[in-house]
Amino acid sequence: MAFAAPALGTTFSRFFRTFSTTSPFLSHTPESTSRNMASGTQTATLAAGCFWGVEHLFRKEFGHGKGLLNAKVGYCGGDTASPSYRAVCTGDTGHAEALKITFDPSLVTYRSLLEFFYRMHDPTTPNRQGPDIGTQYRSAIFTHGDEQHKIAEDVTEKVGKEWYKQAVSTQIIPAGQWWDAEDYHQLYLHKNPSGYECPAHFVRSFPPLSE
């Protein structure tokens, strides 16, 4: 196993807890199922540690008509085809736990999604969020095209200078192959309100970034 020692208890607790889901057939929230996908939608793919909390916070902030049309947790940035959660948890596949968002840019901009991304996790701890340690918990922006890549570089530079006052560890790389995580991970904290939440996942208060 490729876990750092402090994360073993947390990671195994998370792994076994996934199999005690009490409501595996709860329906998705309305924005993830019933809204038709318009031709002008865009995709954002982000990694910020344990994907349960990342999905939960993004749905809470941008769901219910505020721009988020769909969100799936899964694996990105690795070398193995069809990785399982068990394999990704070893850190050996190269994948990050990630969130893929389909959004309406007329309601929320890509820049706004990235600014929230940097507010809801700690980008200064390489390969770590709270007690979760390993490359699968790294901070990363997987970009879709040159425009997203430029925006990600701009926002990241400003975040380091104006919010965290230091360089951030977030990777900015083109999005490669995406793999959906197993069904029991989707909307995990919606189905399991008392489930594990990374203590590094909370919305920080920062002044607006300068233009």
N, C-alpha and C. Protein backbone atom coordinates (compact mmCIF):
# COMPACT_ATOMS: atom_id res chain seq x y z
N MET A 1 0.84 -1.19 0.00
CA MET A 1 0.00 0.00 0.00
C MET A 1 0.88 1.25 0.00
N ALA A 2 0.44 2.29 -0.67
CA ALA A 2 1.26 3.48 -0.82
C ALA A 2 0.81 4.62 0.08
N PHE A 3 0.08 4.30 1.14
CA PHE A 3 -0.40 5.35 2.02
C PHE A 3 0.71 5.82 2.95
N ALA A 4 0.71 7.12 3.25
CA ALA A 4 1.54 7.61 4.33
C ALA A 4 0.86 7.22 5.64
N ALA A 5 1.65 6.97 6.65
CA ALA A 5 1.12 6.39 7.88
C ALA A 5 -0.03 7.16 8.50
N PRO A 6 0.04 8.51 8.55
CA PRO A 6 -1.05 9.21 9.24
C PRO A 6 -2.40 9.05 8.57
N ALA A 7 -2.42 8.66 7.30
CA ALA A 7 -3.70 8.58 6.59
C ALA A 7 -4.33 7.22 6.62
N LEU A 8 -3.62 6.20 7.15
CA LEU A 8 -4.14 4.83 7.07
C LEU A 8 -5.50 4.68 7.70
N GLY A 9 -5.64 5.17 8.94
CA GLY A 9 -6.91 4.98 9.63
C GLY A 9 -8.04 5.67 8.91
N THR A 10 -7.79 6.88 8.46
CA THR A 10 -8.84 7.63 7.77
C THR A 10 -9.23 6.97 6.48
N THR A 11 -8.22 6.54 5.70
CA THR A 11 -8.52 5.97 4.39
C THR A 11 -9.27 4.65 4.53
N PHE A 12 -8.83 3.77 5.43
CA PHE A 12 -9.54 2.51 5.60
C PHE A 12 -10.94 2.73 6.16
N SER A 13 -11.08 3.72 7.05
CA SER A 13 -12.41 4.04 7.56
C SER A 13 -13.32 4.47 6.43
N ARG A 14 -12.79 5.32 5.53
CA ARG A 14 -13.57 5.75 4.39
C ARG A 14 -13.93 4.57 3.51
N PHE A 15 -12.97 3.68 3.27
CA PHE A 15 -13.19 2.56 2.35
C PHE A 15 -14.29 1.64 2.85
N PHE A 16 -14.23 1.24 4.11
CA PHE A 16 -15.23 0.31 4.62
C PHE A 16 -16.58 0.98 4.83
N ARG A 17 -16.58 2.28 5.09
CA ARG A 17 -17.84 2.98 5.31
C ARG A 17 -18.67 3.04 4.03
N THR A 18 -18.03 3.02 2.87
CA THR A 18 -18.76 3.09 1.63
C THR A 18 -19.69 1.92 1.43
N PHE A 19 -19.41 0.79 2.06
CA PHE A 19 -20.23 -0.39 1.88
C PHE A 19 -21.39 -0.47 2.86
N SER A 20 -21.53 0.56 3.71
CA SER A 20 -22.65 0.58 4.66
C SER A 20 -23.71 1.59 4.26
N THR A 21 -23.69 2.01 2.99
CA THR A 21 -24.67 2.98 2.51
C THR A 21 -26.07 2.46 2.76
N THR A 22 -26.88 3.27 3.40
CA THR A 22 -28.21 2.80 3.76
C THR A 22 -29.25 3.09 2.69
N SER A 23 -28.94 4.02 1.76
CA SER A 23 -29.93 4.40 0.76
C SER A 23 -29.32 4.40 -0.64
N PRO A 24 -28.92 3.24 -1.16
CA PRO A 24 -28.21 3.22 -2.43
C PRO A 24 -29.07 3.64 -3.61
N PHE A 25 -30.40 3.68 -3.45
CA PHE A 25 -31.25 3.97 -4.59
C PHE A 25 -31.90 5.35 -4.52
N LEU A 26 -31.37 6.22 -3.65
CA LEU A 26 -31.90 7.58 -3.60
C LEU A 26 -31.68 8.24 -4.94
N SER A 27 -32.68 8.99 -5.40
CA SER A 27 -32.55 9.64 -6.70
C SER A 27 -31.57 10.80 -6.63
N HIS A 28 -31.01 11.15 -7.78
CA HIS A 28 -30.12 12.29 -7.87
C HIS A 28 -30.91 13.57 -7.67
N THR A 29 -30.19 14.65 -7.35
CA THR A 29 -30.83 15.93 -7.23
C THR A 29 -31.32 16.38 -8.59
N PRO A 30 -32.31 17.29 -8.65
CA PRO A 30 -32.92 17.65 -9.94
C PRO A 30 -31.93 18.11 -10.99
N GLU A 31 -30.89 18.88 -10.59
CA GLU A 31 -30.00 19.40 -11.60
C GLU A 31 -29.13 18.31 -12.22
N SER A 32 -29.04 17.13 -11.58
CA SER A 32 -28.20 16.08 -12.13
C SER A 32 -28.98 15.12 -13.02
N THR A 33 -30.31 15.25 -13.08
CA THR A 33 -31.06 14.28 -13.85
C THR A 33 -32.08 14.88 -14.80
N SER A 34 -32.80 15.91 -14.36
CA SER A 34 -33.98 16.31 -15.12
C SER A 34 -33.76 17.45 -16.09
N ARG A 35 -32.70 18.23 -15.91
CA ARG A 35 -32.49 19.35 -16.82
C ARG A 35 -31.84 18.87 -18.10
N ASN A 36 -32.34 19.33 -19.22
CA ASN A 36 -31.73 19.00 -20.50
C ASN A 36 -30.41 19.76 -20.63
N MET A 37 -29.43 19.09 -21.24
CA MET A 37 -28.14 19.70 -21.42
C MET A 37 -28.15 20.56 -22.69
N ALA A 38 -28.01 21.87 -22.53
CA ALA A 38 -28.01 22.77 -23.67
C ALA A 38 -26.69 22.69 -24.40
N SER A 39 -26.71 23.10 -25.67
CA SER A 39 -25.51 23.00 -26.49
C SER A 39 -24.39 23.90 -25.99
N GLY A 40 -24.73 24.94 -25.22
CA GLY A 40 -23.72 25.87 -24.74
C GLY A 40 -23.08 25.48 -23.42
N THR A 41 -23.30 24.29 -22.93
CA THR A 41 -22.73 23.89 -21.65
C THR A 41 -21.23 23.65 -21.77
N GLN A 42 -20.56 23.75 -20.64
CA GLN A 42 -19.11 23.50 -20.58
C GLN A 42 -18.80 22.52 -19.46
N THR A 43 -17.57 22.03 -19.45
CA THR A 43 -17.13 21.05 -18.46
C THR A 43 -15.95 21.60 -17.68
N ALA A 44 -15.96 21.38 -16.38
CA ALA A 44 -14.82 21.68 -15.52
C ALA A 44 -14.47 20.41 -14.75
N THR A 45 -13.18 20.10 -14.67
CA THR A 45 -12.73 18.90 -13.96
C THR A 45 -11.70 19.32 -12.92
N LEU A 46 -12.00 19.03 -11.65
CA LEU A 46 -11.21 19.53 -10.54
C LEU A 46 -10.93 18.43 -9.52
N ALA A 47 -9.76 18.49 -8.90
CA ALA A 47 -9.41 17.56 -7.83
C ALA A 47 -8.99 18.38 -6.62
N ALA A 48 -9.57 18.06 -5.46
CA ALA A 48 -9.29 18.83 -4.25
C ALA A 48 -9.37 17.96 -3.01
N GLY A 49 -8.89 16.72 -3.13
CA GLY A 49 -8.97 15.80 -2.00
C GLY A 49 -10.17 14.87 -2.14
N CYS A 50 -10.62 14.33 -1.03
CA CYS A 50 -11.72 13.37 -1.02
C CYS A 50 -12.91 13.89 -1.83
N PHE A 51 -13.29 13.15 -2.87
CA PHE A 51 -14.29 13.69 -3.79
C PHE A 51 -15.69 13.77 -3.21
N TRP A 52 -15.96 13.10 -2.10
CA TRP A 52 -17.28 13.21 -1.48
C TRP A 52 -17.57 14.66 -1.08
N GLY A 53 -16.63 15.27 -0.35
CA GLY A 53 -16.83 16.63 0.12
C GLY A 53 -16.78 17.65 -1.00
N VAL A 54 -15.93 17.41 -2.00
CA VAL A 54 -15.83 18.34 -3.12
C VAL A 54 -17.16 18.42 -3.86
N GLU A 55 -17.74 17.26 -4.17
CA GLU A 55 -19.04 17.25 -4.84
C GLU A 55 -20.10 17.94 -3.98
N HIS A 56 -20.11 17.61 -2.71
CA HIS A 56 -21.14 18.13 -1.81
C HIS A 56 -21.11 19.67 -1.77
N LEU A 57 -19.92 20.25 -1.65
CA LEU A 57 -19.81 21.70 -1.54
C LEU A 57 -20.14 22.39 -2.86
N PHE A 58 -19.72 21.82 -3.98
CA PHE A 58 -20.03 22.44 -5.27
C PHE A 58 -21.53 22.39 -5.57
N ARG A 59 -22.16 21.27 -5.23
CA ARG A 59 -23.61 21.19 -5.43
C ARG A 59 -24.34 22.20 -4.55
N LYS A 60 -23.89 22.35 -3.33
CA LYS A 60 -24.53 23.29 -2.40
C LYS A 60 -24.37 24.72 -2.89
N GLU A 61 -23.20 25.05 -3.45
CA GLU A 61 -22.94 26.42 -3.87
C GLU A 61 -23.56 26.77 -5.22
N PHE A 62 -23.53 25.82 -6.16
CA PHE A 62 -23.91 26.15 -7.53
C PHE A 62 -25.11 25.37 -8.06
N GLY A 63 -25.69 24.51 -7.25
CA GLY A 63 -26.87 23.78 -7.67
C GLY A 63 -28.13 24.63 -7.58
N HIS A 64 -29.26 24.00 -7.83
CA HIS A 64 -30.56 24.67 -7.68
C HIS A 64 -30.66 25.92 -8.55
N GLY A 65 -30.28 25.78 -9.82
CA GLY A 65 -30.44 26.87 -10.77
C GLY A 65 -29.33 27.89 -10.81
N LYS A 66 -28.23 27.64 -10.11
CA LYS A 66 -27.14 28.63 -10.06
C LYS A 66 -25.98 28.26 -10.98
N GLY A 67 -26.21 27.36 -11.93
CA GLY A 67 -25.21 27.10 -12.96
C GLY A 67 -24.75 25.67 -13.08
N LEU A 68 -24.74 24.91 -11.98
CA LEU A 68 -24.31 23.53 -12.03
C LEU A 68 -25.44 22.67 -12.59
N LEU A 69 -25.18 22.01 -13.70
CA LEU A 69 -26.19 21.17 -14.33
C LEU A 69 -26.01 19.70 -13.99
N ASN A 70 -24.78 19.28 -13.80
CA ASN A 70 -24.52 17.88 -13.47
C ASN A 70 -23.15 17.80 -12.81
N ALA A 71 -22.94 16.80 -11.98
CA ALA A 71 -21.65 16.59 -11.35
C ALA A 71 -21.46 15.10 -11.10
N LYS A 72 -20.28 14.61 -11.42
CA LYS A 72 -19.94 13.21 -11.21
C LYS A 72 -18.59 13.15 -10.54
N VAL A 73 -18.45 12.26 -9.57
CA VAL A 73 -17.13 12.02 -9.00
C VAL A 73 -16.47 10.86 -9.75
N GLY A 74 -15.15 10.92 -9.83
CA GLY A 74 -14.44 9.88 -10.57
C GLY A 74 -12.94 10.04 -10.45
N TYR A 75 -12.24 9.48 -11.42
CA TYR A 75 -10.79 9.40 -11.37
C TYR A 75 -10.20 10.00 -12.64
N CYS A 76 -9.15 10.84 -12.47
CA CYS A 76 -8.54 11.51 -13.60
C CYS A 76 -7.04 11.65 -13.35
N GLY A 77 -6.27 11.72 -14.43
CA GLY A 77 -4.85 12.00 -14.31
C GLY A 77 -3.96 10.80 -14.11
N GLY A 78 -4.50 9.59 -14.28
CA GLY A 78 -3.71 8.39 -14.04
C GLY A 78 -3.36 7.62 -15.29
N ASP A 79 -2.78 6.44 -15.08
CA ASP A 79 -2.26 5.63 -16.18
C ASP A 79 -2.99 4.31 -16.36
N THR A 80 -3.88 3.96 -15.45
CA THR A 80 -4.52 2.65 -15.48
C THR A 80 -5.92 2.75 -16.05
N ALA A 81 -6.29 1.82 -16.92
CA ALA A 81 -7.64 1.81 -17.48
C ALA A 81 -8.63 1.26 -16.47
N SER A 82 -9.81 1.87 -16.44
CA SER A 82 -10.92 1.42 -15.59
C SER A 82 -10.48 1.19 -14.14
N PRO A 83 -9.88 2.18 -13.50
CA PRO A 83 -9.40 1.96 -12.13
C PRO A 83 -10.55 1.80 -11.15
N SER A 84 -10.36 0.97 -10.16
CA SER A 84 -11.33 0.82 -9.08
C SER A 84 -10.94 1.75 -7.94
N TYR A 85 -11.89 1.99 -7.04
CA TYR A 85 -11.60 2.80 -5.87
C TYR A 85 -10.48 2.17 -5.04
N ARG A 86 -10.53 0.86 -4.89
CA ARG A 86 -9.50 0.16 -4.12
C ARG A 86 -8.12 0.41 -4.72
N ALA A 87 -8.03 0.35 -6.07
CA ALA A 87 -6.74 0.56 -6.73
C ALA A 87 -6.28 2.01 -6.59
N VAL A 88 -7.19 2.96 -6.76
CA VAL A 88 -6.83 4.37 -6.65
C VAL A 88 -6.35 4.69 -5.24
N CYS A 89 -6.95 4.06 -4.25
CA CYS A 89 -6.57 4.31 -2.85
C CYS A 89 -5.14 3.87 -2.53
N THR A 90 -4.56 3.00 -3.34
CA THR A 90 -3.17 2.62 -3.10
C THR A 90 -2.21 3.73 -3.51
N GLY A 91 -2.67 4.65 -4.36
CA GLY A 91 -1.79 5.68 -4.88
C GLY A 91 -0.94 5.23 -6.05
N ASP A 92 -1.10 3.98 -6.47
CA ASP A 92 -0.24 3.43 -7.51
C ASP A 92 -0.74 3.66 -8.93
N THR A 93 -2.00 4.05 -9.10
CA THR A 93 -2.54 4.21 -10.45
C THR A 93 -2.27 5.59 -11.04
N GLY A 94 -1.87 6.53 -10.20
CA GLY A 94 -1.61 7.88 -10.66
C GLY A 94 -2.83 8.77 -10.73
N HIS A 95 -4.00 8.21 -10.44
CA HIS A 95 -5.23 9.00 -10.53
C HIS A 95 -5.44 9.88 -9.30
N ALA A 96 -6.17 10.96 -9.53
CA ALA A 96 -6.66 11.79 -8.44
C ALA A 96 -8.16 11.58 -8.30
N GLU A 97 -8.65 11.60 -7.07
CA GLU A 97 -10.09 11.66 -6.87
C GLU A 97 -10.55 13.03 -7.36
N ALA A 98 -11.51 13.06 -8.26
CA ALA A 98 -11.85 14.30 -8.93
C ALA A 98 -13.35 14.46 -9.10
N LEU A 99 -13.74 15.68 -9.48
CA LEU A 99 -15.13 16.02 -9.74
C LEU A 99 -15.22 16.58 -11.15
N LYS A 100 -16.14 16.04 -11.95
CA LYS A 100 -16.40 16.58 -13.29
C LYS A 100 -17.74 17.28 -13.27
N ILE A 101 -17.72 18.56 -13.58
CA ILE A 101 -18.91 19.41 -13.52
C ILE A 101 -19.34 19.80 -14.93
N THR A 102 -20.62 19.66 -15.21
CA THR A 102 -21.20 20.26 -16.40
C THR A 102 -21.94 21.51 -15.94
N PHE A 103 -21.60 22.66 -16.56
CA PHE A 103 -22.18 23.91 -16.08
C PHE A 103 -22.64 24.79 -17.23
N ASP A 104 -23.51 25.71 -16.88
CA ASP A 104 -24.05 26.68 -17.83
C ASP A 104 -23.27 27.98 -17.67
N PRO A 105 -22.43 28.34 -18.65
CA PRO A 105 -21.59 29.53 -18.50
C PRO A 105 -22.37 30.84 -18.52
N SER A 106 -23.65 30.79 -18.88
CA SER A 106 -24.46 32.01 -18.80
C SER A 106 -24.92 32.27 -17.37
N LEU A 107 -24.77 31.27 -16.51
CA LEU A 107 -25.18 31.41 -15.11
C LEU A 107 -23.98 31.45 -14.16
N VAL A 108 -22.93 30.76 -14.49
CA VAL A 108 -21.72 30.78 -13.66
C VAL A 108 -20.51 30.65 -14.58
N THR A 109 -19.49 31.44 -14.34
CA THR A 109 -18.32 31.41 -15.19
C THR A 109 -17.32 30.36 -14.69
N TYR A 110 -16.46 29.96 -15.59
CA TYR A 110 -15.38 29.03 -15.22
C TYR A 110 -14.49 29.66 -14.16
N ARG A 111 -14.22 30.95 -14.30
CA ARG A 111 -13.39 31.65 -13.31
C ARG A 111 -14.04 31.59 -11.92
N SER A 112 -15.34 31.76 -11.85
CA SER A 112 -16.03 31.70 -10.56
C SER A 112 -15.93 30.31 -9.94
N LEU A 113 -16.02 29.28 -10.77
CA LEU A 113 -15.87 27.91 -10.27
C LEU A 113 -14.47 27.70 -9.70
N LEU A 114 -13.46 28.24 -10.38
CA LEU A 114 -12.09 28.08 -9.89
C LEU A 114 -11.85 28.86 -8.61
N GLU A 115 -12.42 30.05 -8.52
CA GLU A 115 -12.25 30.82 -7.29
C GLU A 115 -12.89 30.08 -6.11
N PHE A 116 -14.04 29.47 -6.33
CA PHE A 116 -14.66 28.68 -5.26
C PHE A 116 -13.81 27.45 -4.94
N PHE A 117 -13.27 26.80 -5.96
CA PHE A 117 -12.37 25.66 -5.79
C PHE A 117 -11.23 26.02 -4.82
N TYR A 118 -10.66 27.21 -4.99
CA TYR A 118 -9.55 27.60 -4.14
C TYR A 118 -10.00 28.05 -2.75
N ARG A 119 -11.26 28.34 -2.60
CA ARG A 119 -11.78 28.69 -1.28
C ARG A 119 -12.19 27.46 -0.47
N MET A 120 -12.55 26.35 -1.14
CA MET A 120 -13.13 25.23 -0.41
C MET A 120 -12.12 24.14 -0.04
N HIS A 121 -10.84 24.32 -0.40
CA HIS A 121 -9.83 23.36 0.03
C HIS A 121 -8.51 24.09 0.23
N ASP A 122 -7.51 23.38 0.73
CA ASP A 122 -6.19 23.98 0.99
C ASP A 122 -5.25 23.58 -0.13
N PRO A 123 -4.91 24.51 -1.04
CA PRO A 123 -4.04 24.17 -2.16
C PRO A 123 -2.56 24.24 -1.85
N THR A 124 -2.20 24.49 -0.60
CA THR A 124 -0.78 24.67 -0.24
C THR A 124 -0.15 23.40 0.32
N THR A 125 -0.90 22.33 0.42
CA THR A 125 -0.38 21.08 0.99
C THR A 125 -0.26 20.03 -0.11
N PRO A 126 0.92 19.81 -0.66
CA PRO A 126 1.07 18.86 -1.77
C PRO A 126 0.61 17.45 -1.39
N ASN A 127 -0.24 16.87 -2.25
CA ASN A 127 -0.69 15.49 -2.07
C ASN A 127 -1.32 15.25 -0.69
N ARG A 128 -2.06 16.25 -0.24
CA ARG A 128 -2.68 16.10 1.08
C ARG A 128 -3.84 17.07 1.24
N GLN A 129 -4.93 16.57 1.86
CA GLN A 129 -6.00 17.42 2.37
C GLN A 129 -6.35 16.90 3.76
N GLY A 130 -6.07 17.72 4.76
CA GLY A 130 -6.32 17.29 6.13
C GLY A 130 -5.57 16.00 6.43
N PRO A 131 -6.27 14.99 6.99
CA PRO A 131 -5.61 13.72 7.31
C PRO A 131 -5.44 12.80 6.11
N ASP A 132 -5.99 13.17 4.95
CA ASP A 132 -5.91 12.31 3.77
C ASP A 132 -4.63 12.61 3.00
N ILE A 133 -3.74 11.63 2.95
CA ILE A 133 -2.42 11.83 2.37
C ILE A 133 -2.21 10.85 1.22
N GLY A 134 -1.68 11.36 0.13
CA GLY A 134 -1.38 10.52 -1.03
C GLY A 134 -1.63 11.29 -2.31
N THR A 135 -1.03 10.83 -3.40
CA THR A 135 -1.19 11.54 -4.67
C THR A 135 -2.64 11.56 -5.13
N GLN A 136 -3.45 10.61 -4.69
CA GLN A 136 -4.86 10.60 -5.08
C GLN A 136 -5.63 11.76 -4.48
N TYR A 137 -5.05 12.43 -3.47
CA TYR A 137 -5.70 13.57 -2.82
C TYR A 137 -5.07 14.90 -3.25
N ARG A 138 -4.33 14.90 -4.34
CA ARG A 138 -3.65 16.12 -4.77
C ARG A 138 -4.65 17.17 -5.27
N SER A 139 -4.20 18.40 -5.28
CA SER A 139 -4.97 19.51 -5.83
C SER A 139 -4.62 19.65 -7.30
N ALA A 140 -5.64 19.65 -8.16
CA ALA A 140 -5.38 19.71 -9.60
C ALA A 140 -6.55 20.32 -10.34
N ILE A 141 -6.22 21.05 -11.40
CA ILE A 141 -7.21 21.55 -12.34
C ILE A 141 -6.92 20.88 -13.68
N PHE A 142 -7.84 20.06 -14.14
CA PHE A 142 -7.70 19.37 -15.41
C PHE A 142 -8.46 20.18 -16.46
N THR A 143 -7.73 20.87 -17.31
CA THR A 143 -8.34 21.86 -18.19
C THR A 143 -8.85 21.24 -19.49
N HIS A 144 -9.89 21.87 -20.03
CA HIS A 144 -10.49 21.47 -21.30
C HIS A 144 -10.28 22.62 -22.29
N GLY A 145 -9.14 22.64 -22.94
CA GLY A 145 -8.86 23.65 -23.95
C GLY A 145 -7.96 24.77 -23.45
N ASP A 146 -7.44 25.54 -24.41
CA ASP A 146 -6.48 26.60 -24.11
C ASP A 146 -7.08 27.71 -23.26
N GLU A 147 -8.34 28.08 -23.51
CA GLU A 147 -8.94 29.16 -22.75
C GLU A 147 -9.03 28.82 -21.27
N GLN A 148 -9.50 27.61 -20.96
CA GLN A 148 -9.56 27.20 -19.56
C GLN A 148 -8.16 27.18 -18.95
N HIS A 149 -7.18 26.71 -19.72
CA HIS A 149 -5.81 26.63 -19.19
C HIS A 149 -5.29 28.02 -18.81
N LYS A 150 -5.54 29.02 -19.64
CA LYS A 150 -5.10 30.39 -19.36
C LYS A 150 -5.81 30.96 -18.14
N ILE A 151 -7.12 30.71 -18.05
CA ILE A 151 -7.87 31.20 -16.89
C ILE A 151 -7.36 30.54 -15.61
N ALA A 152 -7.10 29.23 -15.69
CA ALA A 152 -6.60 28.51 -14.51
C ALA A 152 -5.25 29.05 -14.06
N GLU A 153 -4.37 29.35 -14.99
CA GLU A 153 -3.06 29.90 -14.62
C GLU A 153 -3.21 31.28 -14.00
N ASP A 154 -4.09 32.10 -14.54
CA ASP A 154 -4.30 33.44 -14.03
C ASP A 154 -4.88 33.41 -12.62
N VAL A 155 -5.94 32.62 -12.43
CA VAL A 155 -6.57 32.53 -11.11
C VAL A 155 -5.59 31.96 -10.09
N THR A 156 -4.85 30.95 -10.46
CA THR A 156 -3.90 30.31 -9.54
C THR A 156 -2.81 31.28 -9.11
N GLU A 157 -2.30 32.07 -10.04
CA GLU A 157 -1.28 33.05 -9.69
C GLU A 157 -1.82 34.08 -8.71
N LYS A 158 -3.02 34.58 -8.98
CA LYS A 158 -3.62 35.57 -8.09
C LYS A 158 -3.94 34.99 -6.72
N VAL A 159 -4.42 33.75 -6.69
CA VAL A 159 -4.73 33.10 -5.42
C VAL A 159 -3.48 32.98 -4.56
N GLY A 160 -2.36 32.58 -5.18
CA GLY A 160 -1.12 32.45 -4.42
C GLY A 160 -0.64 33.76 -3.85
N LYS A 161 -0.80 34.84 -4.63
CA LYS A 161 -0.31 36.15 -4.19
C LYS A 161 -1.26 36.85 -3.22
N GLU A 162 -2.55 36.75 -3.47
CA GLU A 162 -3.51 37.57 -2.74
C GLU A 162 -4.23 36.84 -1.61
N TRP A 163 -4.38 35.53 -1.72
CA TRP A 163 -5.12 34.78 -0.71
C TRP A 163 -4.19 34.01 0.23
N TYR A 164 -3.34 33.18 -0.33
CA TYR A 164 -2.51 32.31 0.51
C TYR A 164 -1.12 32.87 0.76
N LYS A 165 -0.74 33.92 0.02
CA LYS A 165 0.55 34.58 0.21
C LYS A 165 1.73 33.64 0.03
N GLN A 166 1.55 32.62 -0.78
CA GLN A 166 2.61 31.67 -1.09
C GLN A 166 2.21 30.90 -2.34
N ALA A 167 3.18 30.23 -2.92
CA ALA A 167 2.88 29.42 -4.10
C ALA A 167 1.96 28.27 -3.71
N VAL A 168 1.01 27.95 -4.58
CA VAL A 168 0.12 26.82 -4.32
C VAL A 168 0.65 25.59 -5.06
N SER A 169 0.25 24.43 -4.60
CA SER A 169 0.75 23.17 -5.16
C SER A 169 -0.12 22.63 -6.27
N THR A 170 -1.20 23.31 -6.61
CA THR A 170 -2.17 22.81 -7.58
C THR A 170 -1.55 22.57 -8.95
N GLN A 171 -1.77 21.39 -9.50
CA GLN A 171 -1.36 21.09 -10.86
C GLN A 171 -2.38 21.68 -11.83
N ILE A 172 -1.89 22.21 -12.94
CA ILE A 172 -2.77 22.65 -14.03
C ILE A 172 -2.33 21.89 -15.27
N ILE A 173 -3.14 20.91 -15.67
CA ILE A 173 -2.76 20.05 -16.79
C ILE A 173 -4.00 19.74 -17.64
N PRO A 174 -3.79 19.46 -18.93
CA PRO A 174 -4.93 19.11 -19.77
C PRO A 174 -5.64 17.86 -19.25
N ALA A 175 -6.96 17.89 -19.34
CA ALA A 175 -7.75 16.74 -18.89
C ALA A 175 -7.49 15.56 -19.82
N GLY A 176 -7.21 14.43 -19.23
CA GLY A 176 -7.06 13.20 -20.00
C GLY A 176 -8.29 12.33 -19.87
N GLN A 177 -8.08 11.03 -19.85
CA GLN A 177 -9.19 10.09 -19.74
C GLN A 177 -9.88 10.23 -18.38
N TRP A 178 -11.19 10.28 -18.41
CA TRP A 178 -12.00 10.34 -17.19
C TRP A 178 -12.65 8.98 -16.96
N TRP A 179 -12.70 8.58 -15.69
CA TRP A 179 -13.40 7.34 -15.31
C TRP A 179 -14.37 7.67 -14.20
N ASP A 180 -15.66 7.36 -14.39
CA ASP A 180 -16.63 7.53 -13.32
C ASP A 180 -16.29 6.64 -12.14
N ALA A 181 -16.44 7.17 -10.94
CA ALA A 181 -16.30 6.34 -9.75
C ALA A 181 -17.52 5.43 -9.62
N GLU A 182 -17.41 4.44 -8.78
CA GLU A 182 -18.48 3.48 -8.55
C GLU A 182 -19.74 4.21 -8.08
N ASP A 183 -20.89 3.60 -8.32
CA ASP A 183 -22.17 4.26 -8.03
C ASP A 183 -22.30 4.70 -6.58
N TYR A 184 -21.76 3.92 -5.65
CA TYR A 184 -21.98 4.26 -4.24
C TYR A 184 -21.23 5.53 -3.83
N HIS A 185 -20.30 6.00 -4.68
CA HIS A 185 -19.62 7.26 -4.38
C HIS A 185 -20.41 8.48 -4.85
N GLN A 186 -21.29 8.30 -5.83
CA GLN A 186 -22.01 9.44 -6.37
C GLN A 186 -23.01 9.97 -5.33
N LEU A 187 -22.98 11.29 -5.11
CA LEU A 187 -23.86 11.91 -4.11
C LEU A 187 -23.73 11.25 -2.74
N TYR A 188 -22.51 10.87 -2.40
CA TYR A 188 -22.31 10.09 -1.18
C TYR A 188 -22.83 10.80 0.07
N LEU A 189 -22.49 12.08 0.23
CA LEU A 189 -22.90 12.79 1.43
C LEU A 189 -24.37 13.18 1.39
N HIS A 190 -24.98 13.18 0.22
CA HIS A 190 -26.43 13.36 0.13
C HIS A 190 -27.12 12.10 0.66
N LYS A 191 -26.57 10.95 0.32
CA LYS A 191 -27.14 9.68 0.77
C LYS A 191 -26.76 9.36 2.22
N ASN A 192 -25.60 9.85 2.64
CA ASN A 192 -25.07 9.55 3.97
C ASN A 192 -24.67 10.86 4.67
N PRO A 193 -25.63 11.61 5.19
CA PRO A 193 -25.32 12.93 5.75
C PRO A 193 -24.30 12.90 6.88
N SER A 194 -24.15 11.79 7.57
CA SER A 194 -23.18 11.71 8.65
C SER A 194 -21.88 11.05 8.20
N GLY A 195 -21.71 10.89 6.89
CA GLY A 195 -20.51 10.25 6.37
C GLY A 195 -19.27 11.12 6.54
N TYR A 196 -18.13 10.54 6.22
CA TYR A 196 -16.85 11.22 6.41
C TYR A 196 -16.76 12.48 5.55
N GLU A 197 -16.35 13.58 6.18
CA GLU A 197 -16.04 14.81 5.46
C GLU A 197 -14.64 15.26 5.86
N CYS A 198 -13.80 15.52 4.87
CA CYS A 198 -12.45 15.97 5.14
C CYS A 198 -12.49 17.30 5.87
N PRO A 199 -11.78 17.45 6.99
CA PRO A 199 -11.83 18.72 7.73
C PRO A 199 -11.23 19.90 6.97
N ALA A 200 -10.50 19.64 5.88
CA ALA A 200 -9.95 20.74 5.07
C ALA A 200 -10.98 21.29 4.10
N HIS A 201 -12.15 20.65 4.01
CA HIS A 201 -13.19 21.09 3.08
C HIS A 201 -14.19 21.99 3.79
N PHE A 202 -13.98 23.28 3.66
CA PHE A 202 -14.91 24.28 4.15
C PHE A 202 -14.65 25.54 3.35
N VAL A 203 -15.62 26.43 3.31
CA VAL A 203 -15.51 27.63 2.48
C VAL A 203 -14.81 28.73 3.26
N ARG A 204 -13.65 29.14 2.76
CA ARG A 204 -12.85 30.17 3.40
C ARG A 204 -13.31 31.57 2.96
N SER A 205 -13.12 32.53 3.84
CA SER A 205 -13.49 33.92 3.54
C SER A 205 -12.26 34.66 3.02
N PHE A 206 -12.33 35.08 1.78
CA PHE A 206 -11.25 35.86 1.19
C PHE A 206 -11.87 37.08 0.50
N PRO A 207 -11.12 38.18 0.43
CA PRO A 207 -11.60 39.32 -0.34
C PRO A 207 -11.63 38.96 -1.82
N PRO A 208 -12.42 39.64 -2.62
CA PRO A 208 -12.44 39.33 -4.06
C PRO A 208 -11.06 39.48 -4.68
N LEU A 209 -10.76 38.63 -5.65
CA LEU A 209 -9.51 38.77 -6.38
C LEU A 209 -9.55 40.05 -7.20
N SER A 210 -8.43 40.73 -7.29
CA SER A 210 -8.36 41.94 -8.11
C SER A 210 -8.53 41.58 -9.57
N GLU A 211 -9.07 42.47 -10.34
CA GLU A 211 -9.28 42.23 -11.77
C GLU A 211 -7.95 42.21 -12.52
